[in-house]
PDB file of N, CA and C in Angstrom:
ATOM      1  N   ARG A   1       0.802  -1.211  -0.074  1.00  0.00           N
ATOM      2  CA  ARG A   1      -0.004  -0.061  -0.069  1.00  0.00           C
ATOM      3  C   ARG A   1       0.897   1.251   0.014  1.00  0.00           C
ATOM      4  N   LEU A   2       1.930   1.225   0.789  1.00  0.00           N
ATOM      5  CA  LEU A   2       2.781   2.376   0.823  1.00  0.00           C
ATOM      6  C   LEU A   2       3.446   2.646  -0.609  1.00  0.00           C
ATOM      7  N   GLN A   3       3.885   1.602  -1.249  1.00  0.00           N
ATOM      8  CA  GLN A   3       4.404   1.624  -2.633  1.00  0.00           C
ATOM      9  C   GLN A   3       3.373   2.331  -3.619  1.00  0.00           C
ATOM     10  N   GLN A   4       2.114   1.880  -3.462  1.00  0.00           N
ATOM     11  CA  GLN A   4       1.022   2.435  -4.367  1.00  0.00           C
ATOM     12  C   GLN A   4       0.921   3.896  -4.036  1.00  0.00           C
ATOM     13  N   ARG A   5       0.858   4.239  -2.749  1.00  0.00           N
ATOM     14  CA  ARG A   5       0.612   5.607  -2.390  1.00  0.00           C
ATOM     15  C   ARG A   5       1.729   6.550  -2.851  1.00  0.00           C
ATOM     16  N   GLU A   6       2.932   6.050  -2.677  1.00  0.00           N
ATOM     17  CA  GLU A   6       4.085   6.841  -3.201  1.00  0.00           C
ATOM     18  C   GLU A   6       4.117   6.965  -4.603  1.00  0.00           C
ATOM     19  N   SER A   7       3.863   5.866  -5.384  1.00  0.00           N
ATOM     20  CA  SER A   7       3.729   5.968  -6.799  1.00  0.00           C
ATOM     21  C   SER A   7       2.639   6.932  -7.220  1.00  0.00           C
ATOM     22  N   ALA A   8       1.497   6.944  -6.655  1.00  0.00           N
ATOM     23  CA  ALA A   8       0.347   7.847  -6.949  1.00  0.00           C
ATOM     24  C   ALA A   8       0.770   9.306  -6.640  1.00  0.00           C
ATOM     25  N   ASP A   9       1.660   9.545  -5.651  1.00  0.00           N
ATOM     26  CA  ASP A   9       2.125  10.935  -5.382  1.00  0.00           C
ATOM     27  C   ASP A   9       3.042  11.307  -6.389  1.00  0.00           C
ATOM     28  N   VAL A  10       3.826  10.507  -6.911  1.00  0.00           N
ATOM     29  CA  VAL A  10       4.759  10.889  -8.108  1.00  0.00           C
ATOM     30  C   VAL A  10       3.993  11.188  -9.270  1.00  0.00           C
ATOM     31  N   VAL A  11       2.938  10.386  -9.554  1.00  0.00           N
ATOM     32  CA  VAL A  11       2.193  10.737 -10.802  1.00  0.00           C
ATOM     33  C   VAL A  11       1.534  12.005 -10.614  1.00  0.00           C
ATOM     34  N   ARG A  12       0.944  12.244  -9.465  1.00  0.00           N
ATOM     35  CA  ARG A  12       0.263  13.542  -9.214  1.00  0.00           C
ATOM     36  C   ARG A  12       1.184  14.685  -9.397  1.00  0.00           C
ATOM     37  N   ARG A  13       2.476  14.599  -8.907  1.00  0.00           N
ATOM     38  CA  ARG A  13       3.371  15.684  -8.895  1.00  0.00           C
ATOM     39  C   ARG A  13       3.700  15.979 -10.427  1.00  0.00           C
ATOM     40  N   TYR A  14       3.956  14.947 -11.177  1.00  0.00           N
ATOM     41  CA  TYR A  14       4.428  15.123 -12.592  1.00  0.00           C
ATOM     42  C   TYR A  14       3.478  14.913 -13.729  1.00  0.00           C
ATOM     43  N   ARG A  15       2.112  14.882 -13.334  1.00  0.00           N
ATOM     44  CA  ARG A  15       1.064  14.622 -14.229  1.00  0.00           C
ATOM     45  C   ARG A  15       1.056  15.573 -15.416  1.00  0.00           C
ATOM     46  N   ALA A  16       1.155  16.994 -15.212  1.00  0.00           N
ATOM     47  CA  ALA A  16       1.164  17.922 -16.169  1.00  0.00           C
ATOM     48  C   ALA A  16       2.247  17.650 -17.109  1.00  0.00           C
ATOM     49  N   ASP A  17       3.538  17.313 -16.672  1.00  0.00           N
ATOM     50  CA  ASP A  17       4.667  17.118 -17.569  1.00  0.00           C
ATOM     51  C   ASP A  17       4.501  15.880 -18.423  1.00  0.00           C
ATOM     52  N   LEU A  18       3.861  14.815 -17.816  1.00  0.00           N
ATOM     53  CA  LEU A  18       3.686  13.572 -18.520  1.00  0.00           C
ATOM     54  C   LEU A  18       2.604  13.813 -19.647  1.00  0.00           C
ATOM     55  N   GLU A  19       1.547  14.560 -19.285  1.00  0.00           N
ATOM     56  CA  GLU A  19       0.550  14.792 -20.328  1.00  0.00           C
ATOM     57  C   GLU A  19       0.808  15.788 -21.311  1.00  0.00           C
ATOM     58  N   ARG A  20       1.865  16.452 -21.223  1.00  0.00           N
ATOM     59  CA  ARG A  20       2.338  17.507 -22.254  1.00  0.00           C
ATOM     60  C   ARG A  20       3.139  16.813 -23.351  1.00  0.00           C
ATOM     61  N   PRO A  21       2.582  16.734 -24.513  1.00  0.00           N
ATOM     62  CA  PRO A  21       3.369  15.965 -25.527  1.00  0.00           C
ATOM     63  C   PRO A  21       4.643  16.643 -25.941  1.00  0.00           C
ATOM     64  N   TYR A  22       5.535  15.810 -26.419  1.00  0.00           N
ATOM     65  CA  TYR A  22       6.928  16.402 -27.064  1.00  0.00           C
ATOM     66  C   TYR A  22       6.540  16.582 -28.487  1.00  0.00           C
ATOM     67  N   HIS A  23       6.453  17.822 -28.949  1.00  0.00           N
ATOM     68  CA  HIS A  23       6.128  18.368 -30.177  1.00  0.00           C
ATOM     69  C   HIS A  23       4.835  17.559 -30.719  1.00  0.00           C
ATOM     70  N   SER A  24       4.980  16.735 -31.769  1.00  0.00           N
ATOM     71  CA  SER A  24       3.851  16.096 -32.374  1.00  0.00           C
ATOM     72  C   SER A  24       3.596  14.771 -31.968  1.00  0.00           C
ATOM     73  N   ALA A  25       4.140  14.308 -30.855  1.00  0.00           N
ATOM     74  CA  ALA A  25       4.096  13.005 -30.277  1.00  0.00           C
ATOM     75  C   ALA A  25       2.621  12.746 -29.533  1.00  0.00           C
ATOM     76  N   TRP A  26       1.604  13.061 -30.222  1.00  0.00           N
ATOM     77  CA  TRP A  26       0.320  12.866 -29.635  1.00  0.00           C
ATOM     78  C   TRP A  26      -0.770  12.836 -30.687  1.00  0.00           C
ATOM     79  N   ALA A  27      -2.002  12.279 -30.398  1.00  0.00           N
ATOM     80  CA  ALA A  27      -3.054  12.164 -31.342  1.00  0.00           C
ATOM     81  C   ALA A  27      -4.381  12.341 -30.634  1.00  0.00           C
ATOM     82  N   GLY A  28      -5.511  12.610 -31.383  1.00  0.00           N
ATOM     83  CA  GLY A  28      -6.688  12.719 -30.724  1.00  0.00           C
ATOM     84  C   GLY A  28      -7.146  14.271 -30.468  1.00  0.00           C
ATOM     85  N   ALA A  29      -7.911  14.400 -29.463  1.00  0.00           N
ATOM     86  CA  ALA A  29      -8.354  15.665 -29.093  1.00  0.00           C
ATOM     87  C   ALA A  29      -7.338  16.483 -28.308  1.00  0.00           C
ATOM     88  N   ALA A  30      -7.023  17.798 -28.835  1.00  0.00           N
ATOM     89  CA  ALA A  30      -6.090  18.685 -28.255  1.00  0.00           C
ATOM     90  C   ALA A  30      -6.380  18.902 -26.809  1.00  0.00           C
ATOM     91  N   ASP A  31      -7.770  19.047 -26.489  1.00  0.00           N
ATOM     92  CA  ASP A  31      -8.151  19.282 -25.164  1.00  0.00           C
ATOM     93  C   ASP A  31      -9.028  18.134 -24.562  1.00  0.00           C
ATOM     94  N   GLY A  32      -8.503  16.897 -24.811  1.00  0.00           N
ATOM     95  CA  GLY A  32      -9.271  15.706 -24.503  1.00  0.00           C
ATOM     96  C   GLY A  32      -9.590  15.755 -22.981  1.00  0.00           C
ATOM     97  N   ASP A  33     -10.769  15.126 -22.732  1.00  0.00           N
ATOM     98  CA  ASP A  33     -11.285  15.050 -21.325  1.00  0.00           C
ATOM     99  C   ASP A  33     -10.557  13.853 -20.668  1.00  0.00           C
ATOM    100  N   VAL A  34     -10.025  13.003 -21.474  1.00  0.00           N
ATOM    101  CA  VAL A  34      -9.159  11.847 -20.899  1.00  0.00           C
ATOM    102  C   VAL A  34      -7.882  11.831 -21.701  1.00  0.00           C
ATOM    103  N   VAL A  35      -6.699  11.805 -20.931  1.00  0.00           N
ATOM    104  CA  VAL A  35      -5.468  11.729 -21.583  1.00  0.00           C
ATOM    105  C   VAL A  35      -4.842  10.308 -21.224  1.00  0.00           C
ATOM    106  N   LEU A  36      -4.508   9.631 -22.204  1.00  0.00           N
ATOM    107  CA  LEU A  36      -3.802   8.370 -22.136  1.00  0.00           C
ATOM    108  C   LEU A  36      -2.427   8.521 -22.415  1.00  0.00           C
ATOM    109  N   VAL A  37      -1.453   8.336 -21.496  1.00  0.00           N
ATOM    110  CA  VAL A  37      -0.048   8.351 -21.726  1.00  0.00           C
ATOM    111  C   VAL A  37       0.552   7.021 -21.803  1.00  0.00           C
ATOM    112  N   GLU A  38       1.100   6.732 -23.019  1.00  0.00           N
ATOM    113  CA  GLU A  38       1.661   5.416 -23.348  1.00  0.00           C
ATOM    114  C   GLU A  38       3.112   5.551 -23.382  1.00  0.00           C
ATOM    115  N   PHE A  39       3.799   4.748 -22.522  1.00  0.00           N
ATOM    116  CA  PHE A  39       5.254   4.503 -22.502  1.00  0.00           C
ATOM    117  C   PHE A  39       5.464   3.344 -23.349  1.00  0.00           C
ATOM    118  N   PHE A  40       6.336   3.445 -24.391  1.00  0.00           N
ATOM    119  CA  PHE A  40       6.627   2.254 -25.229  1.00  0.00           C
ATOM    120  C   PHE A  40       8.083   2.162 -25.696  1.00  0.00           C
ATOM    121  N   ASP A  41       8.332   1.019 -26.294  1.00  0.00           N
ATOM    122  CA  ASP A  41       9.642   0.720 -26.840  1.00  0.00           C
ATOM    123  C   ASP A  41       9.291   0.077 -28.137  1.00  0.00           C
ATOM    124  N   TYR A  42       9.926   0.476 -29.216  1.00  0.00           N
ATOM    125  CA  TYR A  42       9.785   0.096 -30.519  1.00  0.00           C
ATOM    126  C   TYR A  42      10.128  -1.454 -30.690  1.00  0.00           C
ATOM    127  N   ALA A  43      10.908  -1.883 -29.812  1.00  0.00           N
ATOM    128  CA  ALA A  43      11.414  -3.259 -29.858  1.00  0.00           C
ATOM    129  C   ALA A  43      10.437  -4.207 -29.032  1.00  0.00           C
ATOM    130  N   CYS A  44       9.397  -3.614 -28.406  1.00  0.00           N
ATOM    131  CA  CYS A  44       8.479  -4.420 -27.557  1.00  0.00           C
ATOM    132  C   CYS A  44       7.344  -4.942 -28.425  1.00  0.00           C
ATOM    133  N   GLY A  45       7.225  -6.324 -28.396  1.00  0.00           N
ATOM    134  CA  GLY A  45       6.166  -6.860 -29.134  1.00  0.00           C
ATOM    135  C   GLY A  45       4.759  -6.536 -28.542  1.00  0.00           C
ATOM    136  N   PHE A  46       4.658  -6.456 -27.202  1.00  0.00           N
ATOM    137  CA  PHE A  46       3.367  -6.112 -26.487  1.00  0.00           C
ATOM    138  C   PHE A  46       3.074  -4.671 -26.957  1.00  0.00           C
ATOM    139  N   CYS A  47       3.961  -3.726 -27.022  1.00  0.00           N
ATOM    140  CA  CYS A  47       3.693  -2.367 -27.464  1.00  0.00           C
ATOM    141  C   CYS A  47       3.224  -2.406 -28.895  1.00  0.00           C
ATOM    142  N   ARG A  48       3.881  -3.201 -29.780  1.00  0.00           N
ATOM    143  CA  ARG A  48       3.449  -3.259 -31.158  1.00  0.00           C
ATOM    144  C   ARG A  48       1.964  -3.773 -31.243  1.00  0.00           C
ATOM    145  N   THR A  49       1.701  -4.790 -30.521  1.00  0.00           N
ATOM    146  CA  THR A  49       0.343  -5.390 -30.540  1.00  0.00           C
ATOM    147  C   THR A  49      -0.632  -4.488 -30.074  1.00  0.00           C
ATOM    148  N   SER A  50      -0.376  -3.631 -28.967  1.00  0.00           N
ATOM    149  CA  SER A  50      -1.321  -2.647 -28.539  1.00  0.00           C
ATOM    150  C   SER A  50      -1.525  -1.483 -29.289  1.00  0.00           C
ATOM    151  N   ASN A  51      -0.643  -1.246 -30.315  1.00  0.00           N
ATOM    152  CA  ASN A  51      -0.814  -0.055 -31.161  1.00  0.00           C
ATOM    153  C   ASN A  51      -2.124  -0.008 -31.852  1.00  0.00           C
ATOM    154  N   SER A  52      -2.596  -1.173 -32.379  1.00  0.00           N
ATOM    155  CA  SER A  52      -3.925  -1.268 -33.057  1.00  0.00           C
ATOM    156  C   SER A  52      -5.124  -0.955 -32.019  1.00  0.00           C
ATOM    157  N   ASP A  53      -4.924  -1.235 -30.754  1.00  0.00           N
ATOM    158  CA  ASP A  53      -5.862  -1.046 -29.708  1.00  0.00           C
ATOM    159  C   ASP A  53      -5.978   0.490 -29.474  1.00  0.00           C
ATOM    160  N   VAL A  54      -4.848   1.132 -29.464  1.00  0.00           N
ATOM    161  CA  VAL A  54      -4.812   2.674 -29.211  1.00  0.00           C
ATOM    162  C   VAL A  54      -5.376   3.302 -30.393  1.00  0.00           C
ATOM    163  N   ASP A  55      -5.265   2.865 -31.575  1.00  0.00           N
ATOM    164  CA  ASP A  55      -5.840   3.446 -32.814  1.00  0.00           C
ATOM    165  C   ASP A  55      -7.481   3.241 -32.714  1.00  0.00           C
ATOM    166  N   ARG A  56      -7.880   2.078 -32.230  1.00  0.00           N
ATOM    167  CA  ARG A  56      -9.264   1.859 -32.098  1.00  0.00           C
ATOM    168  C   ARG A  56      -9.791   2.800 -31.039  1.00  0.00           C
ATOM    169  N   LEU A  57      -9.197   3.000 -29.944  1.00  0.00           N
ATOM    170  CA  LEU A  57      -9.678   3.879 -28.817  1.00  0.00           C
ATOM    171  C   LEU A  57      -9.714   5.321 -29.483  1.00  0.00           C
ATOM    172  N   LEU A  58      -8.854   5.706 -30.277  1.00  0.00           N
ATOM    173  CA  LEU A  58      -8.840   7.084 -30.675  1.00  0.00           C
ATOM    174  C   LEU A  58     -10.091   7.147 -31.678  1.00  0.00           C
ATOM    175  N   ARG A  59     -10.447   6.250 -32.469  1.00  0.00           N
ATOM    176  CA  ARG A  59     -11.536   6.237 -33.315  1.00  0.00           C
ATOM    177  C   ARG A  59     -12.862   6.278 -32.645  1.00  0.00           C
ATOM    178  N   GLU A  60     -12.876   5.602 -31.571  1.00  0.00           N
ATOM    179  CA  GLU A  60     -14.153   5.433 -30.810  1.00  0.00           C
ATOM    180  C   GLU A  60     -14.435   6.575 -29.815  1.00  0.00           C
ATOM    181  N   ASP A  61     -13.299   7.287 -29.483  1.00  0.00           N
ATOM    182  CA  ASP A  61     -13.639   8.348 -28.513  1.00  0.00           C
ATOM    183  C   ASP A  61     -13.081   9.626 -28.939  1.00  0.00           C
ATOM    184  N   PRO A  62     -13.912  10.492 -29.484  1.00  0.00           N
ATOM    185  CA  PRO A  62     -13.507  11.840 -30.052  1.00  0.00           C
ATOM    186  C   PRO A  62     -12.886  12.735 -29.064  1.00  0.00           C
ATOM    187  N   ARG A  63     -13.008  12.491 -27.694  1.00  0.00           N
ATOM    188  CA  ARG A  63     -12.609  13.297 -26.656  1.00  0.00           C
ATOM    189  C   ARG A  63     -11.290  12.795 -26.006  1.00  0.00           C
ATOM    190  N   LEU A  64     -10.670  11.704 -26.494  1.00  0.00           N
ATOM    191  CA  LEU A  64      -9.487  11.100 -26.115  1.00  0.00           C
ATOM    192  C   LEU A  64      -8.198  11.744 -26.699  1.00  0.00           C
ATOM    193  N   LYS A  65      -7.317  11.980 -25.800  1.00  0.00           N
ATOM    194  CA  LYS A  65      -5.929  12.489 -26.271  1.00  0.00           C
ATOM    195  C   LYS A  65      -4.883  11.338 -25.878  1.00  0.00           C
ATOM    196  N   VAL A  66      -4.080  10.944 -26.771  1.00  0.00           N
ATOM    197  CA  VAL A  66      -3.080  10.090 -26.475  1.00  0.00           C
ATOM    198  C   VAL A  66      -1.654  10.778 -26.672  1.00  0.00           C
ATOM    199  N   VAL A  67      -0.881  10.607 -25.622  1.00  0.00           N
ATOM    200  CA  VAL A  67       0.473  11.136 -25.586  1.00  0.00           C
ATOM    201  C   VAL A  67       1.422   9.957 -25.495  1.00  0.00           C
ATOM    202  N   TRP A  68       2.309   9.925 -26.478  1.00  0.00           N
ATOM    203  CA  TRP A  68       3.353   8.950 -26.484  1.00  0.00           C
ATOM    204  C   TRP A  68       4.652   9.283 -25.871  1.00  0.00           C
ATOM    205  N   ARG A  69       5.239   8.414 -25.002  1.00  0.00           N
ATOM    206  CA  ARG A  69       6.565   8.627 -24.476  1.00  0.00           C
ATOM    207  C   ARG A  69       7.500   7.482 -24.672  1.00  0.00           C
ATOM    208  N   GLU A  70       8.580   7.721 -25.291  1.00  0.00           N
ATOM    209  CA  GLU A  70       9.455   6.701 -25.608  1.00  0.00           C
ATOM    210  C   GLU A  70      10.203   6.164 -24.256  1.00  0.00           C
ATOM    211  N   LEU A  71      10.296   4.841 -24.207  1.00  0.00           N
ATOM    212  CA  LEU A  71      10.983   4.258 -23.089  1.00  0.00           C
ATOM    213  C   LEU A  71      11.800   3.094 -23.613  1.00  0.00           C
ATOM    214  N   PRO A  72      13.018   3.509 -24.159  1.00  0.00           N
ATOM    215  CA  PRO A  72      13.822   2.599 -24.821  1.00  0.00           C
ATOM    216  C   PRO A  72      14.686   1.692 -23.959  1.00  0.00           C
ATOM    217  N   VAL A  73      14.090   0.599 -23.471  1.00  0.00           N
ATOM    218  CA  VAL A  73      14.751  -0.268 -22.393  1.00  0.00           C
ATOM    219  C   VAL A  73      15.232  -1.555 -23.008  1.00  0.00           C
ATOM    220  N   LEU A  74      15.059  -1.891 -24.278  1.00  0.00           N
ATOM    221  CA  LEU A  74      15.242  -3.273 -24.801  1.00  0.00           C
ATOM    222  C   LEU A  74      16.526  -3.221 -25.560  1.00  0.00           C
ATOM    223  N   GLY A  75      17.510  -2.210 -25.371  1.00  0.00           N
ATOM    224  CA  GLY A  75      18.743  -2.395 -26.095  1.00  0.00           C
ATOM    225  C   GLY A  75      19.061  -1.212 -26.992  1.00  0.00           C
ATOM    226  N   PRO A  76      20.277  -1.215 -27.656  1.00  0.00           N
ATOM    227  CA  PRO A  76      20.774  -0.091 -28.422  1.00  0.00           C
ATOM    228  C   PRO A  76      19.803   0.211 -29.612  1.00  0.00           C
ATOM    229  N   ASP A  77      19.272  -0.850 -30.234  1.00  0.00           N
ATOM    230  CA  ASP A  77      18.347  -0.671 -31.434  1.00  0.00           C
ATOM    231  C   ASP A  77      17.090   0.173 -30.969  1.00  0.00           C
ATOM    232  N   SER A  78      16.617  -0.065 -29.723  1.00  0.00           N
ATOM    233  CA  SER A  78      15.494   0.635 -29.182  1.00  0.00           C
ATOM    234  C   SER A  78      15.965   2.125 -28.875  1.00  0.00           C
ATOM    235  N   GLU A  79      17.061   2.308 -28.394  1.00  0.00           N
ATOM    236  CA  GLU A  79      17.589   3.670 -28.243  1.00  0.00           C
ATOM    237  C   GLU A  79      17.659   4.501 -29.493  1.00  0.00           C
ATOM    238  N   GLN A  80      18.155   3.845 -30.638  1.00  0.00           N
ATOM    239  CA  GLN A  80      18.230   4.564 -31.828  1.00  0.00           C
ATOM    240  C   GLN A  80      16.881   4.834 -32.459  1.00  0.00           C
ATOM    241  N   ALA A  81      15.982   3.845 -32.292  1.00  0.00           N
ATOM    242  CA  ALA A  81      14.648   4.149 -32.716  1.00  0.00           C
ATOM    243  C   ALA A  81      14.070   5.262 -32.013  1.00  0.00           C
ATOM    244  N   ALA A  82      14.188   5.347 -30.738  1.00  0.00           N
ATOM    245  CA  ALA A  82      13.672   6.349 -29.882  1.00  0.00           C
ATOM    246  C   ALA A  82      14.195   7.730 -30.399  1.00  0.00           C
ATOM    247  N   ILE A  83      15.465   7.774 -30.677  1.00  0.00           N
ATOM    248  CA  ILE A  83      16.108   9.069 -31.140  1.00  0.00           C
ATOM    249  C   ILE A  83      15.405   9.469 -32.507  1.00  0.00           C
ATOM    250  N   ALA A  84      15.342   8.544 -33.363  1.00  0.00           N
ATOM    251  CA  ALA A  84      14.707   8.801 -34.610  1.00  0.00           C
ATOM    252  C   ALA A  84      13.214   9.352 -34.411  1.00  0.00           C
ATOM    253  N   SER A  85      12.443   8.680 -33.538  1.00  0.00           N
ATOM    254  CA  SER A  85      11.141   9.010 -33.176  1.00  0.00           C
ATOM    255  C   SER A  85      10.911  10.393 -32.692  1.00  0.00           C
ATOM    256  N   LEU A  86      11.928  10.886 -31.782  1.00  0.00           N
ATOM    257  CA  LEU A  86      11.932  12.236 -31.238  1.00  0.00           C
ATOM    258  C   LEU A  86      12.256  13.266 -32.353  1.00  0.00           C
ATOM    259  N   ALA A  87      13.113  12.878 -33.481  1.00  0.00           N
ATOM    260  CA  ALA A  87      13.368  13.772 -34.484  1.00  0.00           C
ATOM    261  C   ALA A  87      12.158  13.862 -35.350  1.00  0.00           C
ATOM    262  N   ALA A  88      11.390  12.784 -35.583  1.00  0.00           N
ATOM    263  CA  ALA A  88      10.106  12.758 -36.307  1.00  0.00           C
ATOM    264  C   ALA A  88       9.120  13.662 -35.566  1.00  0.00           C
ATOM    265  N   ALA A  89       9.100  13.626 -34.271  1.00  0.00           N
ATOM    266  CA  ALA A  89       8.237  14.422 -33.569  1.00  0.00           C
ATOM    267  C   ALA A  89       8.454  15.903 -33.702  1.00  0.00           C
ATOM    268  N   GLU A  90       9.689  16.227 -33.665  1.00  0.00           N
ATOM    269  CA  GLU A  90      10.243  17.607 -33.777  1.00  0.00           C
ATOM    270  C   GLU A  90       9.785  18.129 -35.251  1.00  0.00           C
ATOM    271  N   ALA A  91       9.842  17.195 -36.217  1.00  0.00           N
ATOM    272  CA  ALA A  91       9.546  17.609 -37.579  1.00  0.00           C
ATOM    273  C   ALA A  91       8.007  17.535 -37.885  1.00  0.00           C
ATOM    274  N   GLY A  92       7.189  17.224 -36.861  1.00  0.00           N
ATOM    275  CA  GLY A  92       5.719  17.118 -37.047  1.00  0.00           C
ATOM    276  C   GLY A  92       5.179  15.917 -37.724  1.00  0.00           C
ATOM    277  N   LYS A  93       6.155  14.858 -37.664  1.00  0.00           N
ATOM    278  CA  LYS A  93       5.792  13.617 -38.517  1.00  0.00           C
ATOM    279  C   LYS A  93       5.648  12.519 -37.602  1.00  0.00           C
ATOM    280  N   PHE A  94       5.424  12.629 -36.240  1.00  0.00           N
ATOM    281  CA  PHE A  94       5.531  11.568 -35.398  1.00  0.00           C
ATOM    282  C   PHE A  94       4.620  10.451 -35.710  1.00  0.00           C
ATOM    283  N   VAL A  95       3.304  10.678 -35.850  1.00  0.00           N
ATOM    284  CA  VAL A  95       2.359   9.689 -36.000  1.00  0.00           C
ATOM    285  C   VAL A  95       2.634   8.809 -37.167  1.00  0.00           C
ATOM    286  N   PRO A  96       2.921   9.282 -38.439  1.00  0.00           N
ATOM    287  CA  PRO A  96       3.244   8.367 -39.479  1.00  0.00           C
ATOM    288  C   PRO A  96       4.487   7.520 -39.226  1.00  0.00           C
ATOM    289  N   PHE A  97       5.552   8.220 -38.621  1.00  0.00           N
ATOM    290  CA  PHE A  97       6.680   7.520 -38.265  1.00  0.00           C
ATOM    291  C   PHE A  97       6.504   6.339 -37.324  1.00  0.00           C
ATOM    292  N   HIS A  98       5.768   6.656 -36.209  1.00  0.00           N
ATOM    293  CA  HIS A  98       5.376   5.691 -35.219  1.00  0.00           C
ATOM    294  C   HIS A  98       4.672   4.535 -35.845  1.00  0.00           C
ATOM    295  N   GLU A  99       3.718   4.744 -36.612  1.00  0.00           N
ATOM    296  CA  GLU A  99       2.967   3.729 -37.246  1.00  0.00           C
ATOM    297  C   GLU A  99       3.834   2.943 -38.202  1.00  0.00           C
ATOM    298  N   ALA A 100       4.651   3.479 -39.063  1.00  0.00           N
ATOM    299  CA  ALA A 100       5.503   2.847 -39.957  1.00  0.00           C
ATOM    300  C   ALA A 100       6.542   1.978 -39.209  1.00  0.00           C
ATOM    301  N   LEU A 101       7.106   2.449 -38.171  1.00  0.00           N
ATOM    302  CA  LEU A 101       8.190   1.738 -37.414  1.00  0.00           C
ATOM    303  C   LEU A 101       7.612   0.496 -36.754  1.00  0.00           C
ATOM    304  N   PHE A 102       6.448   0.636 -36.166  1.00  0.00           N
ATOM    305  CA  PHE A 102       5.740  -0.528 -35.575  1.00  0.00           C
ATOM    306  C   PHE A 102       5.375  -1.603 -36.604  1.00  0.00           C
ATOM    307  N   GLU A 103       4.978  -1.069 -37.802  1.00  0.00           N
ATOM    308  CA  GLU A 103       4.579  -1.999 -38.877  1.00  0.00           C
ATOM    309  C   GLU A 103       5.815  -2.634 -39.412  1.00  0.00           C
ATOM    310  N   ALA A 104       7.040  -2.037 -39.461  1.00  0.00           N
ATOM    311  CA  ALA A 104       8.246  -2.741 -39.900  1.00  0.00           C
ATOM    312  C   ALA A 104       8.717  -3.888 -39.026  1.00  0.00           C
ATOM    313  N   GLY A 105       8.346  -4.003 -37.806  1.00  0.00           N
ATOM    314  CA  GLY A 105       8.763  -4.903 -36.839  1.00  0.00           C
ATOM    315  C   GLY A 105       9.951  -4.390 -36.018  1.00  0.00           C
ATOM    316  N   ARG A 106      10.534  -5.342 -35.328  1.00  0.00           N
ATOM    317  CA  ARG A 106      11.558  -4.910 -34.307  1.00  0.00           C
ATOM    318  C   ARG A 106      12.613  -4.141 -34.978  1.00  0.00           C
ATOM    319  N   PRO A 107      13.017  -3.023 -34.484  1.00  0.00           N
ATOM    320  CA  PRO A 107      14.092  -2.129 -35.144  1.00  0.00           C
ATOM    321  C   PRO A 107      15.432  -2.765 -35.258  1.00  0.00           C
ATOM    322  N   THR A 108      16.138  -2.496 -36.248  1.00  0.00           N
ATOM    323  CA  THR A 108      17.511  -2.928 -36.559  1.00  0.00           C
ATOM    324  C   THR A 108      18.398  -1.734 -36.899  1.00  0.00           C
ATOM    325  N   PRO A 109      19.661  -1.843 -36.971  1.00  0.00           N
ATOM    326  CA  PRO A 109      20.458  -0.741 -37.349  1.00  0.00           C
ATOM    327  C   PRO A 109      20.152  -0.333 -38.859  1.00  0.00           C
ATOM    328  N   ALA A 110      19.705  -1.108 -39.723  1.00  0.00           N
ATOM    329  CA  ALA A 110      19.401  -0.799 -41.002  1.00  0.00           C
ATOM    330  C   ALA A 110      18.159   0.043 -41.022  1.00  0.00           C
TER     331      ALA A 110
END
């Protein structure tokens, strides 16, 4: 219970920062009444599988805002993919890059 309470306190403290997207790394309603923050790794099969669920949620709920946060924990290829993803976000191309990279499968140096 203590760990849950402490975790909740951390989320409360940083909620605004977590919900503020990095450039174009978001989709849905700009002023959504619900904000889903997804931490992901392009090398994660579970993240890849959940991508279609997030797309479905965005189609079903016009008031949903999704904010994506890179969490490259599965090795150097994950880190490189995250760096490229952040560059795509700065260029305003995050969503197409995000979709294409997940469709391509696990990232490689190529």
